Amino acid sequence: MRPRGAHLLLAVALAAALAPARPRAEELPARQHALLLLRVLAYDRNVARRAGPTITVVLLARAGDRGSEERAVALHGALEEASRQVVVAGLPVRAVVLAYRDAADLDAALLAISQVLREDAASTAP
């Protein structure tokens, strides 16, 4: 049986990857970015089945890149605020920030967090 949250975790991490370090004129404010991300997740008809008891959005931030870290913190706050008012597919949403230095560090961090999320899902399963 395939892990329920692993694929969702990777898809969300990729979808939530923050913009490059240089700010762009068309960059959305954190609140609108958060609401858009939640809306996109809601279109996935299988999100509830794959997510487990909670939808976890993993926000990537390049360690040492002040702009990336600031955007991750801002988006995290906006997602946490939005999640108090909005559910996706009937499930609560939480956000976590994952800092990484390089591709190998990112792979290791995603593996570690996916294992934690799977254990959380297993411990809350009926």
PDB file of N, CA and C in Angstrom:
ATOM      1  N   MET A   1       0.840  -1.177   0.000  1.00  0.00           N
ATOM      2  CA  MET A   1       0.000   0.000   0.000  1.00  0.00           C
ATOM      3  C   MET A   1       0.887   1.244   0.000  1.00  0.00           C
ATOM      4  N   ARG A   2       0.541   2.187  -0.808  1.00  0.00           N
ATOM      5  CA  ARG A   2       1.285   3.432  -0.960  1.00  0.00           C
ATOM      6  C   ARG A   2       1.050   4.338   0.244  1.00  0.00           C
ATOM      7  N   PRO A   3       2.113   5.034   0.746  1.00  0.00           N
ATOM      8  CA  PRO A   3       1.918   5.960   1.869  1.00  0.00           C
ATOM      9  C   PRO A   3       0.927   7.053   1.486  1.00  0.00           C
ATOM     10  N   ARG A   4       0.003   7.343   2.365  1.00  0.00           N
ATOM     11  CA  ARG A   4      -1.068   8.294   2.061  1.00  0.00           C
ATOM     12  C   ARG A   4      -0.570   9.707   1.892  1.00  0.00           C
ATOM     13  N   GLY A   5       0.307  10.133   2.743  1.00  0.00           N
ATOM     14  CA  GLY A   5       0.693  11.537   2.724  1.00  0.00           C
ATOM     15  C   GLY A   5       1.946  11.838   1.934  1.00  0.00           C
ATOM     16  N   ALA A   6       2.715  10.822   1.568  1.00  0.00           N
ATOM     17  CA  ALA A   6       4.013  11.067   0.943  1.00  0.00           C
ATOM     18  C   ALA A   6       3.877  11.788  -0.392  1.00  0.00           C
ATOM     19  N   HIS A   7       2.988  11.308  -1.243  1.00  0.00           N
ATOM     20  CA  HIS A   7       2.837  11.945  -2.549  1.00  0.00           C
ATOM     21  C   HIS A   7       2.245  13.339  -2.420  1.00  0.00           C
ATOM     22  N   LEU A   8       1.280  13.466  -1.519  1.00  0.00           N
ATOM     23  CA  LEU A   8       0.694  14.785  -1.307  1.00  0.00           C
ATOM     24  C   LEU A   8       1.743  15.744  -0.772  1.00  0.00           C
ATOM     25  N   LEU A   9       2.547  15.278   0.154  1.00  0.00           N
ATOM     26  CA  LEU A   9       3.595  16.114   0.723  1.00  0.00           C
ATOM     27  C   LEU A   9       4.531  16.627  -0.362  1.00  0.00           C
ATOM     28  N   LEU A  10       4.981  15.738  -1.229  1.00  0.00           N
ATOM     29  CA  LEU A  10       5.904  16.153  -2.285  1.00  0.00           C
ATOM     30  C   LEU A  10       5.228  17.106  -3.265  1.00  0.00           C
ATOM     31  N   ALA A  11       3.976  16.818  -3.621  1.00  0.00           N
ATOM     32  CA  ALA A  11       3.265  17.693  -4.555  1.00  0.00           C
ATOM     33  C   ALA A  11       3.062  19.079  -3.952  1.00  0.00           C
ATOM     34  N   VAL A  12       2.672  19.112  -2.687  1.00  0.00           N
ATOM     35  CA  VAL A  12       2.448  20.401  -2.037  1.00  0.00           C
ATOM     36  C   VAL A  12       3.757  21.155  -1.868  1.00  0.00           C
ATOM     37  N   ALA A  13       4.819  20.435  -1.525  1.00  0.00           N
ATOM     38  CA  ALA A  13       6.111  21.098  -1.365  1.00  0.00           C
ATOM     39  C   ALA A  13       6.547  21.744  -2.662  1.00  0.00           C
ATOM     40  N   LEU A  14       6.349  21.031  -3.766  1.00  0.00           N
ATOM     41  CA  LEU A  14       6.717  21.601  -5.059  1.00  0.00           C
ATOM     42  C   LEU A  14       5.802  22.765  -5.427  1.00  0.00           C
ATOM     43  N   ALA A  15       4.510  22.601  -5.180  1.00  0.00           N
ATOM     44  CA  ALA A  15       3.568  23.666  -5.520  1.00  0.00           C
ATOM     45  C   ALA A  15       3.788  24.901  -4.667  1.00  0.00           C
ATOM     46  N   ALA A  16       4.228  24.689  -3.445  1.00  0.00           N
ATOM     47  CA  ALA A  16       4.407  25.814  -2.525  1.00  0.00           C
ATOM     48  C   ALA A  16       5.813  26.386  -2.550  1.00  0.00           C
ATOM     49  N   ALA A  17       6.643  25.867  -3.441  1.00  0.00           N
ATOM     50  CA  ALA A  17       8.009  26.383  -3.521  1.00  0.00           C
ATOM     51  C   ALA A  17       7.959  27.894  -3.748  1.00  0.00           C
ATOM     52  N   LEU A  18       8.729  28.568  -2.983  1.00  0.00           N
ATOM     53  CA  LEU A  18       8.682  30.025  -3.035  1.00  0.00           C
ATOM     54  C   LEU A  18       9.413  30.560  -4.257  1.00  0.00           C
ATOM     55  N   ALA A  19       9.045  31.760  -4.637  1.00  0.00           N
ATOM     56  CA  ALA A  19       9.617  32.415  -5.811  1.00  0.00           C
ATOM     57  C   ALA A  19      11.118  32.615  -5.629  1.00  0.00           C
ATOM     58  N   PRO A  20      11.828  32.851  -6.725  1.00  0.00           N
ATOM     59  CA  PRO A  20      13.259  33.119  -6.618  1.00  0.00           C
ATOM     60  C   PRO A  20      13.539  34.301  -5.700  1.00  0.00           C
ATOM     61  N   ALA A  21      14.791  34.451  -5.309  1.00  0.00           N
ATOM     62  CA  ALA A  21      15.172  35.460  -4.326  1.00  0.00           C
ATOM     63  C   ALA A  21      14.828  36.886  -4.771  1.00  0.00           C
ATOM     64  N   ARG A  22      14.865  37.153  -6.056  1.00  0.00           N
ATOM     65  CA  ARG A  22      14.569  38.506  -6.521  1.00  0.00           C
ATOM     66  C   ARG A  22      13.073  38.773  -6.499  1.00  0.00           C
ATOM     67  N   PRO A  23      12.633  39.850  -5.863  1.00  0.00           N
ATOM     68  CA  PRO A  23      11.202  40.159  -5.861  1.00  0.00           C
ATOM     69  C   PRO A  23      10.745  40.547  -7.260  1.00  0.00           C
ATOM     70  N   ARG A  24       9.519  40.202  -7.573  1.00  0.00           N
ATOM     71  CA  ARG A  24       8.951  40.525  -8.877  1.00  0.00           C
ATOM     72  C   ARG A  24       7.746  41.419  -8.668  1.00  0.00           C
ATOM     73  N   ALA A  25       7.489  42.251  -9.625  1.00  0.00           N
ATOM     74  CA  ALA A  25       6.378  43.191  -9.512  1.00  0.00           C
ATOM     75  C   ALA A  25       5.046  42.464  -9.383  1.00  0.00           C
ATOM     76  N   GLU A  26       4.907  41.294  -9.999  1.00  0.00           N
ATOM     77  CA  GLU A  26       3.629  40.594  -9.980  1.00  0.00           C
ATOM     78  C   GLU A  26       3.473  39.638  -8.793  1.00  0.00           C
ATOM     79  N   GLU A  27       4.392  39.657  -7.840  1.00  0.00           N
ATOM     80  CA  GLU A  27       4.315  38.777  -6.686  1.00  0.00           C
ATOM     81  C   GLU A  27       3.077  39.087  -5.845  1.00  0.00           C
ATOM     82  N   LEU A  28       2.345  38.048  -5.478  1.00  0.00           N
ATOM     83  CA  LEU A  28       1.134  38.211  -4.688  1.00  0.00           C
ATOM     84  C   LEU A  28       1.457  38.500  -3.227  1.00  0.00           C
ATOM     85  N   PRO A  29       0.616  39.281  -2.570  1.00  0.00           N
ATOM     86  CA  PRO A  29       0.753  39.414  -1.120  1.00  0.00           C
ATOM     87  C   PRO A  29       0.541  38.042  -0.472  1.00  0.00           C
ATOM     88  N   ALA A  30       1.118  37.832   0.693  1.00  0.00           N
ATOM     89  CA  ALA A  30       1.085  36.517   1.343  1.00  0.00           C
ATOM     90  C   ALA A  30      -0.344  36.010   1.536  1.00  0.00           C
ATOM     91  N   ARG A  31      -1.269  36.852   1.946  1.00  0.00           N
ATOM     92  CA  ARG A  31      -2.646  36.392   2.171  1.00  0.00           C
ATOM     93  C   ARG A  31      -3.278  35.877   0.892  1.00  0.00           C
ATOM     94  N   GLN A  32      -3.119  36.610  -0.219  1.00  0.00           N
ATOM     95  CA  GLN A  32      -3.691  36.156  -1.484  1.00  0.00           C
ATOM     96  C   GLN A  32      -2.998  34.874  -1.969  1.00  0.00           C
ATOM     97  N   HIS A  33      -1.691  34.789  -1.753  1.00  0.00           N
ATOM     98  CA  HIS A  33      -0.936  33.593  -2.122  1.00  0.00           C
ATOM     99  C   HIS A  33      -1.465  32.389  -1.342  1.00  0.00           C
ATOM    100  N   ALA A  34      -1.694  32.572  -0.051  1.00  0.00           N
ATOM    101  CA  ALA A  34      -2.204  31.495   0.796  1.00  0.00           C
ATOM    102  C   ALA A  34      -3.592  31.053   0.339  1.00  0.00           C
ATOM    103  N   LEU A  35      -4.475  32.015   0.087  1.00  0.00           N
ATOM    104  CA  LEU A  35      -5.828  31.673  -0.345  1.00  0.00           C
ATOM    105  C   LEU A  35      -5.829  30.983  -1.701  1.00  0.00           C
ATOM    106  N   LEU A  36      -4.969  31.428  -2.598  1.00  0.00           N
ATOM    107  CA  LEU A  36      -4.857  30.784  -3.901  1.00  0.00           C
ATOM    108  C   LEU A  36      -4.363  29.344  -3.759  1.00  0.00           C
ATOM    109  N   LEU A  37      -3.369  29.133  -2.934  1.00  0.00           N
ATOM    110  CA  LEU A  37      -2.846  27.794  -2.708  1.00  0.00           C
ATOM    111  C   LEU A  37      -3.924  26.868  -2.137  1.00  0.00           C
ATOM    112  N   LEU A  38      -4.691  27.360  -1.174  1.00  0.00           N
ATOM    113  CA  LEU A  38      -5.770  26.553  -0.606  1.00  0.00           C
ATOM    114  C   LEU A  38      -6.848  26.249  -1.632  1.00  0.00           C
ATOM    115  N   ARG A  39      -7.120  27.215  -2.486  1.00  0.00           N
ATOM    116  CA  ARG A  39      -8.116  27.005  -3.542  1.00  0.00           C
ATOM    117  C   ARG A  39      -7.647  25.932  -4.523  1.00  0.00           C
ATOM    118  N   VAL A  40      -6.381  25.973  -4.890  1.00  0.00           N
ATOM    119  CA  VAL A  40      -5.823  24.968  -5.800  1.00  0.00           C
ATOM    120  C   VAL A  40      -5.896  23.583  -5.159  1.00  0.00           C
ATOM    121  N   LEU A  41      -5.548  23.486  -3.885  1.00  0.00           N
ATOM    122  CA  LEU A  41      -5.634  22.197  -3.184  1.00  0.00           C
ATOM    123  C   LEU A  41      -7.062  21.660  -3.183  1.00  0.00           C
ATOM    124  N   ALA A  42      -8.035  22.548  -3.057  1.00  0.00           N
ATOM    125  CA  ALA A  42      -9.437  22.128  -3.004  1.00  0.00           C
ATOM    126  C   ALA A  42      -9.892  21.494  -4.311  1.00  0.00           C
ATOM    127  N   TYR A  43      -9.242  21.796  -5.419  1.00  0.00           N
ATOM    128  CA  TYR A  43      -9.612  21.207  -6.698  1.00  0.00           C
ATOM    129  C   TYR A  43      -9.168  19.750  -6.832  1.00  0.00           C
ATOM    130  N   ASP A  44      -8.274  19.314  -5.985  1.00  0.00           N
ATOM    131  CA  ASP A  44      -7.817  17.926  -6.011  1.00  0.00           C
ATOM    132  C   ASP A  44      -8.878  17.060  -5.345  1.00  0.00           C
ATOM    133  N   ARG A  45      -9.572  16.268  -6.120  1.00  0.00           N
ATOM    134  CA  ARG A  45     -10.674  15.462  -5.596  1.00  0.00           C
ATOM    135  C   ARG A  45     -10.206  14.355  -4.657  1.00  0.00           C
ATOM    136  N   ASN A  46      -8.943  14.013  -4.704  1.00  0.00           N
ATOM    137  CA  ASN A  46      -8.426  12.932  -3.869  1.00  0.00           C
ATOM    138  C   ASN A  46      -7.588  13.439  -2.695  1.00  0.00           C
ATOM    139  N   VAL A  47      -7.575  14.730  -2.471  1.00  0.00           N
ATOM    140  CA  VAL A  47      -6.708  15.286  -1.442  1.00  0.00           C
ATOM    141  C   VAL A  47      -7.040  14.725  -0.061  1.00  0.00           C
ATOM    142  N   ALA A  48      -8.305  14.568   0.259  1.00  0.00           N
ATOM    143  CA  ALA A  48      -8.684  14.058   1.581  1.00  0.00           C
ATOM    144  C   ALA A  48      -8.218  12.622   1.777  1.00  0.00           C
ATOM    145  N   ARG A  49      -8.308  11.822   0.738  1.00  0.00           N
ATOM    146  CA  ARG A  49      -7.899  10.422   0.826  1.00  0.00           C
ATOM    147  C   ARG A  49      -6.391  10.300   1.021  1.00  0.00           C
ATOM    148  N   ARG A  50      -5.627  11.159   0.356  1.00  0.00           N
ATOM    149  CA  ARG A  50      -4.170  11.070   0.431  1.00  0.00           C
ATOM    150  C   ARG A  50      -3.575  11.813   1.621  1.00  0.00           C
ATOM    151  N   ALA A  51      -4.273  12.786   2.136  1.00  0.00           N
ATOM    152  CA  ALA A  51      -3.676  13.659   3.147  1.00  0.00           C
ATOM    153  C   ALA A  51      -3.671  13.075   4.546  1.00  0.00           C
ATOM    154  N   GLY A  52      -4.580  12.201   4.855  1.00  0.00           N
ATOM    155  CA  GLY A  52      -4.702  11.758   6.233  1.00  0.00           C
ATOM    156  C   GLY A  52      -5.600  12.709   6.991  1.00  0.00           C
ATOM    157  N   PRO A  53      -5.410  12.858   8.303  1.00  0.00           N
ATOM    158  CA  PRO A  53      -6.328  13.666   9.104  1.00  0.00           C
ATOM    159  C   PRO A  53      -6.147  15.183   8.938  1.00  0.00           C
ATOM    160  N   THR A  54      -5.007  15.595   8.429  1.00  0.00           N
ATOM    161  CA  THR A  54      -4.707  17.025   8.259  1.00  0.00           C
ATOM    162  C   THR A  54      -3.943  17.219   6.957  1.00  0.00           C
ATOM    163  N   ILE A  55      -4.258  18.284   6.253  1.00  0.00           N
ATOM    164  CA  ILE A  55      -3.487  18.634   5.060  1.00  0.00           C
ATOM    165  C   ILE A  55      -2.310  19.483   5.525  1.00  0.00           C
ATOM    166  N   THR A  56      -1.120  19.027   5.238  1.00  0.00           N
ATOM    167  CA  THR A  56       0.085  19.751   5.628  1.00  0.00           C
ATOM    168  C   THR A  56       0.716  20.374   4.391  1.00  0.00           C
ATOM    169  N   VAL A  57       0.871  21.684   4.421  1.00  0.00           N
ATOM    170  CA  VAL A  57       1.530  22.416   3.342  1.00  0.00           C
ATOM    171  C   VAL A  57       2.954  22.689   3.792  1.00  0.00           C
ATOM    172  N   VAL A  58       3.909  22.202   3.011  1.00  0.00           N
ATOM    173  CA  VAL A  58       5.322  22.401   3.324  1.00  0.00           C
ATOM    174  C   VAL A  58       5.834  23.564   2.480  1.00  0.00           C
ATOM    175  N   LEU A  59       6.303  24.595   3.164  1.00  0.00           N
ATOM    176  CA  LEU A  59       6.838  25.778   2.497  1.00  0.00           C
ATOM    177  C   LEU A  59       8.356  25.699   2.501  1.00  0.00           C
ATOM    178  N   LEU A  60       8.937  25.784   1.338  1.00  0.00           N
ATOM    179  CA  LEU A  60      10.387  25.694   1.224  1.00  0.00           C
ATOM    180  C   LEU A  60      11.016  27.070   1.326  1.00  0.00           C
ATOM    181  N   ALA A  61      12.136  27.125   2.053  1.00  0.00           N
ATOM    182  CA  ALA A  61      12.889  28.372   2.173  1.00  0.00           C
ATOM    183  C   ALA A  61      14.371  28.037   2.045  1.00  0.00           C
ATOM    184  N   ARG A  62      15.057  28.769   1.219  1.00  0.00           N
ATOM    185  CA  ARG A  62      16.498  28.576   1.059  1.00  0.00           C
ATOM    186  C   ARG A  62      17.195  29.147   2.283  1.00  0.00           C
ATOM    187  N   ALA A  63      17.856  28.285   3.055  1.00  0.00           N
ATOM    188  CA  ALA A  63      18.555  28.716   4.268  1.00  0.00           C
ATOM    189  C   ALA A  63      19.622  29.752   3.903  1.00  0.00           C
ATOM    190  N   GLY A  64      19.639  30.835   4.643  1.00  0.00           N
ATOM    191  CA  GLY A  64      20.613  31.883   4.398  1.00  0.00           C
ATOM    192  C   GLY A  64      20.167  32.925   3.387  1.00  0.00           C
ATOM    193  N   ASP A  65      19.077  32.671   2.682  1.00  0.00           N
ATOM    194  CA  ASP A  65      18.532  33.623   1.723  1.00  0.00           C
ATOM    195  C   ASP A  65      17.427  34.400   2.447  1.00  0.00           C
ATOM    196  N   ARG A  66      17.765  35.600   2.871  1.00  0.00           N
ATOM    197  CA  ARG A  66      16.852  36.383   3.704  1.00  0.00           C
ATOM    198  C   ARG A  66      15.489  36.581   3.043  1.00  0.00           C
ATOM    199  N   GLY A  67      15.467  36.865   1.760  1.00  0.00           N
ATOM    200  CA  GLY A  67      14.206  37.074   1.049  1.00  0.00           C
ATOM    201  C   GLY A  67      13.349  35.818   1.043  1.00  0.00           C
ATOM    202  N   SER A  68      13.971  34.691   0.769  1.00  0.00           N
ATOM    203  CA  SER A  68      13.252  33.420   0.753  1.00  0.00           C
ATOM    204  C   SER A  68      12.704  33.101   2.144  1.00  0.00           C
ATOM    205  N   GLU A  69      13.522  33.299   3.156  1.00  0.00           N
ATOM    206  CA  GLU A  69      13.093  33.020   4.531  1.00  0.00           C
ATOM    207  C   GLU A  69      11.950  33.948   4.945  1.00  0.00           C
ATOM    208  N   GLU A  70      12.030  35.224   4.580  1.00  0.00           N
ATOM    209  CA  GLU A  70      10.973  36.178   4.928  1.00  0.00           C
ATOM    210  C   GLU A  70       9.664  35.821   4.241  1.00  0.00           C
ATOM    211  N   ARG A  71       9.731  35.440   2.949  1.00  0.00           N
ATOM    212  CA  ARG A  71       8.513  35.052   2.231  1.00  0.00           C
ATOM    213  C   ARG A  71       7.908  33.796   2.834  1.00  0.00           C
ATOM    214  N   ALA A  72       8.748  32.848   3.231  1.00  0.00           N
ATOM    215  CA  ALA A  72       8.243  31.620   3.848  1.00  0.00           C
ATOM    216  C   ALA A  72       7.528  31.923   5.157  1.00  0.00           C
ATOM    217  N   VAL A  73       8.120  32.785   5.972  1.00  0.00           N
ATOM    218  CA  VAL A  73       7.505  33.147   7.254  1.00  0.00           C
ATOM    219  C   VAL A  73       6.186  33.878   7.015  1.00  0.00           C
ATOM    220  N   ALA A  74       6.167  34.792   6.056  1.00  0.00           N
ATOM    221  CA  ALA A  74       4.943  35.542   5.754  1.00  0.00           C
ATOM    222  C   ALA A  74       3.853  34.612   5.238  1.00  0.00           C
ATOM    223  N   LEU A  75       4.207  33.704   4.334  1.00  0.00           N
ATOM    224  CA  LEU A  75       3.215  32.776   3.794  1.00  0.00           C
ATOM    225  C   LEU A  75       2.746  31.808   4.872  1.00  0.00           C
ATOM    226  N   HIS A  76       3.655  31.385   5.733  1.00  0.00           N
ATOM    227  CA  HIS A  76       3.278  30.510   6.845  1.00  0.00           C
ATOM    228  C   HIS A  76       2.232  31.199   7.720  1.00  0.00           C
ATOM    229  N   GLY A  77       2.485  32.442   8.074  1.00  0.00           N
ATOM    230  CA  GLY A  77       1.528  33.189   8.889  1.00  0.00           C
ATOM    231  C   GLY A  77       0.180  33.346   8.201  1.00  0.00           C
ATOM    232  N   ALA A  78       0.225  33.632   6.907  1.00  0.00           N
ATOM    233  CA  ALA A  78      -1.014  33.803   6.149  1.00  0.00           C
ATOM    234  C   ALA A  78      -1.787  32.484   6.050  1.00  0.00           C
ATOM    235  N   LEU A  79      -1.093  31.379   5.859  1.00  0.00           N
ATOM    236  CA  LEU A  79      -1.764  30.079   5.809  1.00  0.00           C
ATOM    237  C   LEU A  79      -2.346  29.698   7.165  1.00  0.00           C
ATOM    238  N   GLU A  80      -1.605  29.966   8.226  1.00  0.00           N
ATOM    239  CA  GLU A  80      -2.109  29.668   9.565  1.00  0.00           C
ATOM    240  C   GLU A  80      -3.367  30.499   9.850  1.00  0.00           C
ATOM    241  N   GLU A  81      -3.339  31.772   9.457  1.00  0.00           N
ATOM    242  CA  GLU A  81      -4.505  32.628   9.657  1.00  0.00           C
ATOM    243  C   GLU A  81      -5.691  32.141   8.827  1.00  0.00           C
ATOM    244  N   ALA A  82      -5.455  31.839   7.568  1.00  0.00           N
ATOM    245  CA  ALA A  82      -6.529  31.368   6.684  1.00  0.00           C
ATOM    246  C   ALA A  82      -7.087  30.030   7.161  1.00  0.00           C
ATOM    247  N   SER A  83      -6.228  29.184   7.711  1.00  0.00           N
ATOM    248  CA  SER A  83      -6.679  27.856   8.128  1.00  0.00           C
ATOM    249  C   SER A  83      -7.615  27.915   9.335  1.00  0.00           C
ATOM    250  N   ARG A  84      -7.661  29.035  10.028  1.00  0.00           N
ATOM    251  CA  ARG A  84      -8.617  29.195  11.128  1.00  0.00           C
ATOM    252  C   ARG A  84     -10.035  29.398  10.600  1.00  0.00           C
ATOM    253  N   GLN A  85     -10.138  29.799   9.329  1.00  0.00           N
ATOM    254  CA  GLN A  85     -11.440  30.098   8.742  1.00  0.00           C
ATOM    255  C   GLN A  85     -11.813  29.154   7.603  1.00  0.00           C
ATOM    256  N   VAL A  86     -10.835  28.457   7.048  1.00  0.00           N
ATOM    257  CA  VAL A  86     -11.053  27.666   5.844  1.00  0.00           C
ATOM    258  C   VAL A  86     -10.569  26.244   6.066  1.00  0.00           C
ATOM    259  N   VAL A  87     -11.343  25.277   5.564  1.00  0.00           N
ATOM    260  CA  VAL A  87     -10.883  23.895   5.520  1.00  0.00           C
ATOM    261  C   VAL A  87     -10.821  23.491   4.054  1.00  0.00           C
ATOM    262  N   VAL A  88     -10.069  22.480   3.763  1.00  0.00           N
ATOM    263  CA  VAL A  88      -9.970  21.964   2.398  1.00  0.00           C
ATOM    264  C   VAL A  88     -10.449  20.525   2.432  1.00  0.00           C
ATOM    265  N   ALA A  89     -11.457  20.222   1.643  1.00  0.00           N
ATOM    266  CA  ALA A  89     -12.026  18.868   1.583  1.00  0.00           C
ATOM    267  C   ALA A  89     -12.443  18.397   2.971  1.00  0.00           C
ATOM    268  N   GLY A  90     -12.906  19.322   3.799  1.00  0.00           N
ATOM    269  CA  GLY A  90     -13.355  18.975   5.132  1.00  0.00           C
ATOM    270  C   GLY A  90     -12.248  18.728   6.142  1.00  0.00           C
ATOM    271  N   LEU A  91     -11.008  18.983   5.753  1.00  0.00           N
ATOM    272  CA  LEU A  91      -9.869  18.721   6.633  1.00  0.00           C
ATOM    273  C   LEU A  91      -9.200  20.026   7.060  1.00  0.00           C
ATOM    274  N   PRO A  92      -8.656  20.033   8.274  1.00  0.00           N
ATOM    275  CA  PRO A  92      -7.882  21.207   8.692  1.00  0.00           C
ATOM    276  C   PRO A  92      -6.571  21.281   7.908  1.00  0.00           C
ATOM    277  N   VAL A  93      -6.046  22.479   7.822  1.00  0.00           N
ATOM    278  CA  VAL A  93      -4.799  22.713   7.093  1.00  0.00           C
ATOM    279  C   VAL A  93      -3.766  23.262   8.070  1.00  0.00           C
ATOM    280  N   ARG A  94      -2.548  22.766   7.953  1.00  0.00           N
ATOM    281  CA  ARG A  94      -1.442  23.339   8.732  1.00  0.00           C
ATOM    282  C   ARG A  94      -0.286  23.582   7.778  1.00  0.00           C
ATOM    283  N   ALA A  95       0.564  24.505   8.152  1.00  0.00           N
ATOM    284  CA  ALA A  95       1.724  24.831   7.326  1.00  0.00           C
ATOM    285  C   ALA A  95       2.988  24.671   8.159  1.00  0.00           C
ATOM    286  N   VAL A  96       4.031  24.200   7.505  1.00  0.00           N
ATOM    287  CA  VAL A  96       5.344  24.110   8.135  1.00  0.00           C
ATOM    288  C   VAL A  96       6.373  24.680   7.179  1.00  0.00           C
ATOM    289  N   VAL A  97       7.385  25.321   7.731  1.00  0.00           N
ATOM    290  CA  VAL A  97       8.471  25.878   6.921  1.00  0.00           C
ATOM    291  C   VAL A  97       9.637  24.897   6.981  1.00  0.00           C
ATOM    292  N   LEU A  98      10.175  24.594   5.825  1.00  0.00           N
ATOM    293  CA  LEU A  98      11.294  23.677   5.723  1.00  0.00           C
ATOM    294  C   LEU A  98      12.452  24.412   5.045  1.00  0.00           C
ATOM    295  N   ALA A  99      13.494  24.682   5.815  1.00  0.00           N
ATOM    296  CA  ALA A  99      14.672  25.361   5.266  1.00  0.00           C
ATOM    297  C   ALA A  99      15.641  24.321   4.719  1.00  0.00           C
ATOM    298  N   TYR A 100      16.277  24.646   3.622  1.00  0.00           N
ATOM    299  CA  TYR A 100      17.250  23.733   3.010  1.00  0.00           C
ATOM    300  C   TYR A 100      18.411  24.526   2.444  1.00  0.00           C
ATOM    301  N   ARG A 101      19.552  23.858   2.305  1.00  0.00           N
ATOM    302  CA  ARG A 101      20.753  24.511   1.760  1.00  0.00           C
ATOM    303  C   ARG A 101      21.000  24.113   0.306  1.00  0.00           C
ATOM    304  N   ASP A 102      20.799  22.841  -0.010  1.00  0.00           N
ATOM    305  CA  ASP A 102      21.062  22.349  -1.359  1.00  0.00           C
ATOM    306  C   ASP A 102      20.130  21.174  -1.649  1.00  0.00           C
ATOM    307  N   ALA A 103      20.253  20.582  -2.823  1.00  0.00           N
ATOM    308  CA  ALA A 103      19.349  19.509  -3.230  1.00  0.00           C
ATOM    309  C   ALA A 103      19.424  18.301  -2.297  1.00  0.00           C
ATOM    310  N   ALA A 104      20.609  17.922  -1.879  1.00  0.00           N
ATOM    311  CA  ALA A 104      20.746  16.767  -0.984  1.00  0.00           C
ATOM    312  C   ALA A 104      20.095  17.055   0.364  1.00  0.00           C
ATOM    313  N   ASP A 105      20.287  18.272   0.862  1.00  0.00           N
ATOM    314  CA  ASP A 105      19.678  18.674   2.128  1.00  0.00           C
ATOM    315  C   ASP A 105      18.152  18.665   2.000  1.00  0.00           C
ATOM    316  N   LEU A 106      17.644  19.140   0.878  1.00  0.00           N
ATOM    317  CA  LEU A 106      16.206  19.158   0.644  1.00  0.00           C
ATOM    318  C   LEU A 106      15.654  17.739   0.603  1.00  0.00           C
ATOM    319  N   ASP A 107      16.318  16.839  -0.114  1.00  0.00           N
ATOM    320  CA  ASP A 107      15.877  15.435  -0.170  1.00  0.00           C
ATOM    321  C   ASP A 107      15.795  14.825   1.220  1.00  0.00           C
ATOM    322  N   ALA A 108      16.828  15.031   2.015  1.00  0.00           N
ATOM    323  CA  ALA A 108      16.859  14.469   3.368  1.00  0.00           C
ATOM    324  C   ALA A 108      15.752  15.064   4.237  1.00  0.00           C
ATOM    325  N   ALA A 109      15.547  16.368   4.132  1.00  0.00           N
ATOM    326  CA  ALA A 109      14.520  17.032   4.944  1.00  0.00           C
ATOM    327  C   ALA A 109      13.116  16.570   4.542  1.00  0.00           C
ATOM    328  N   LEU A 110      12.869  16.427   3.239  1.00  0.00           N
ATOM    329  CA  LEU A 110      11.560  15.954   2.781  1.00  0.00           C
ATOM    330  C   LEU A 110      11.306  14.515   3.221  1.00  0.00           C
ATOM    331  N   LEU A 111      12.330  13.685   3.166  1.00  0.00           N
ATOM    332  CA  LEU A 111      12.190  12.308   3.625  1.00  0.00           C
ATOM    333  C   LEU A 111      11.850  12.273   5.112  1.00  0.00           C
ATOM    334  N   ALA A 112      12.562  13.062   5.893  1.00  0.00           N
ATOM    335  CA  ALA A 112      12.324  13.089   7.339  1.00  0.00           C
ATOM    336  C   ALA A 112      10.920  13.581   7.662  1.00  0.00           C
ATOM    337  N   ILE A 113      10.495  14.659   7.031  1.00  0.00           N
ATOM    338  CA  ILE A 113       9.173  15.197   7.347  1.00  0.00           C
ATOM    339  C   ILE A 113       8.071  14.276   6.835  1.00  0.00           C
ATOM    340  N   SER A 114       8.277  13.614   5.712  1.00  0.00           N
ATOM    341  CA  SER A 114       7.249  12.693   5.219  1.00  0.00           C
ATOM    342  C   SER A 114       7.087  11.517   6.171  1.00  0.00           C
ATOM    343  N   GLN A 115       8.171  11.056   6.777  1.00  0.00           N
ATOM    344  CA  GLN A 115       8.074   9.965   7.751  1.00  0.00           C
ATOM    345  C   GLN A 115       7.308  10.422   8.988  1.00  0.00           C
ATOM    346  N   VAL A 116       7.569  11.622   9.451  1.00  0.00           N
ATOM    347  CA  VAL A 116       6.858  12.155  10.609  1.00  0.00           C
ATOM    348  C   VAL A 116       5.368  12.281  10.300  1.00  0.00           C
ATOM    349  N   LEU A 117       5.034  12.782   9.117  1.00  0.00           N
ATOM    350  CA  LEU A 117       3.631  12.950   8.752  1.00  0.00           C
ATOM    351  C   LEU A 117       2.926  11.606   8.624  1.00  0.00           C
ATOM    352  N   ARG A 118       3.615  10.602   8.079  1.00  0.00           N
ATOM    353  CA  ARG A 118       3.022   9.266   7.989  1.00  0.00           C
ATOM    354  C   ARG A 118       2.763   8.687   9.372  1.00  0.00           C
ATOM    355  N   GLU A 119       3.695   8.884  10.285  1.00  0.00           N
ATOM    356  CA  GLU A 119       3.508   8.389  11.658  1.00  0.00           C
ATOM    357  C   GLU A 119       2.348   9.112  12.329  1.00  0.00           C
ATOM    358  N   ASP A 120       2.229  10.423  12.112  1.00  0.00           N
ATOM    359  CA  ASP A 120       1.096  11.177  12.661  1.00  0.00           C
ATOM    360  C   ASP A 120      -0.216  10.641  12.122  1.00  0.00           C
ATOM    361  N   ALA A 121      -0.271  10.403  10.813  1.00  0.00           N
ATOM    362  CA  ALA A 121      -1.489   9.898  10.185  1.00  0.00           C
ATOM    363  C   ALA A 121      -1.830   8.511  10.721  1.00  0.00           C
ATOM    364  N   ALA A 122      -0.821   7.665  10.883  1.00  0.00           N
ATOM    365  CA  ALA A 122      -1.065   6.301  11.385  1.00  0.00           C
ATOM    366  C   ALA A 122      -1.556   6.334  12.826  1.00  0.00           C
ATOM    367  N   SER A 123      -1.028   7.247  13.613  1.00  0.00           N
ATOM    368  CA  SER A 123      -1.407   7.291  15.033  1.00  0.00           C
ATOM    369  C   SER A 123      -2.813   7.831  15.224  1.00  0.00           C
ATOM    370  N   THR A 124      -3.331   8.583  14.267  1.00  0.00           N
ATOM    371  CA  THR A 124      -4.684   9.134  14.390  1.00  0.00           C
ATOM    372  C   THR A 124      -5.709   8.366  13.579  1.00  0.00           C
ATOM    373  N   ALA A 125      -5.264   7.338  12.854  1.00  0.00           N
ATOM    374  CA  ALA A 125      -6.188   6.543  12.045  1.00  0.00           C
ATOM    375  C   ALA A 125      -7.078   5.701  12.958  1.00  0.00           C
ATOM    376  N   PRO A 126      -8.343   5.511  12.562  1.00  0.00           N
ATOM    377  CA  PRO A 126      -9.250   4.707  13.401  1.00  0.00           C
ATOM    378  C   PRO A 126      -8.871   3.249  13.441  1.00  0.00           C
TER     379      PRO A 126
END
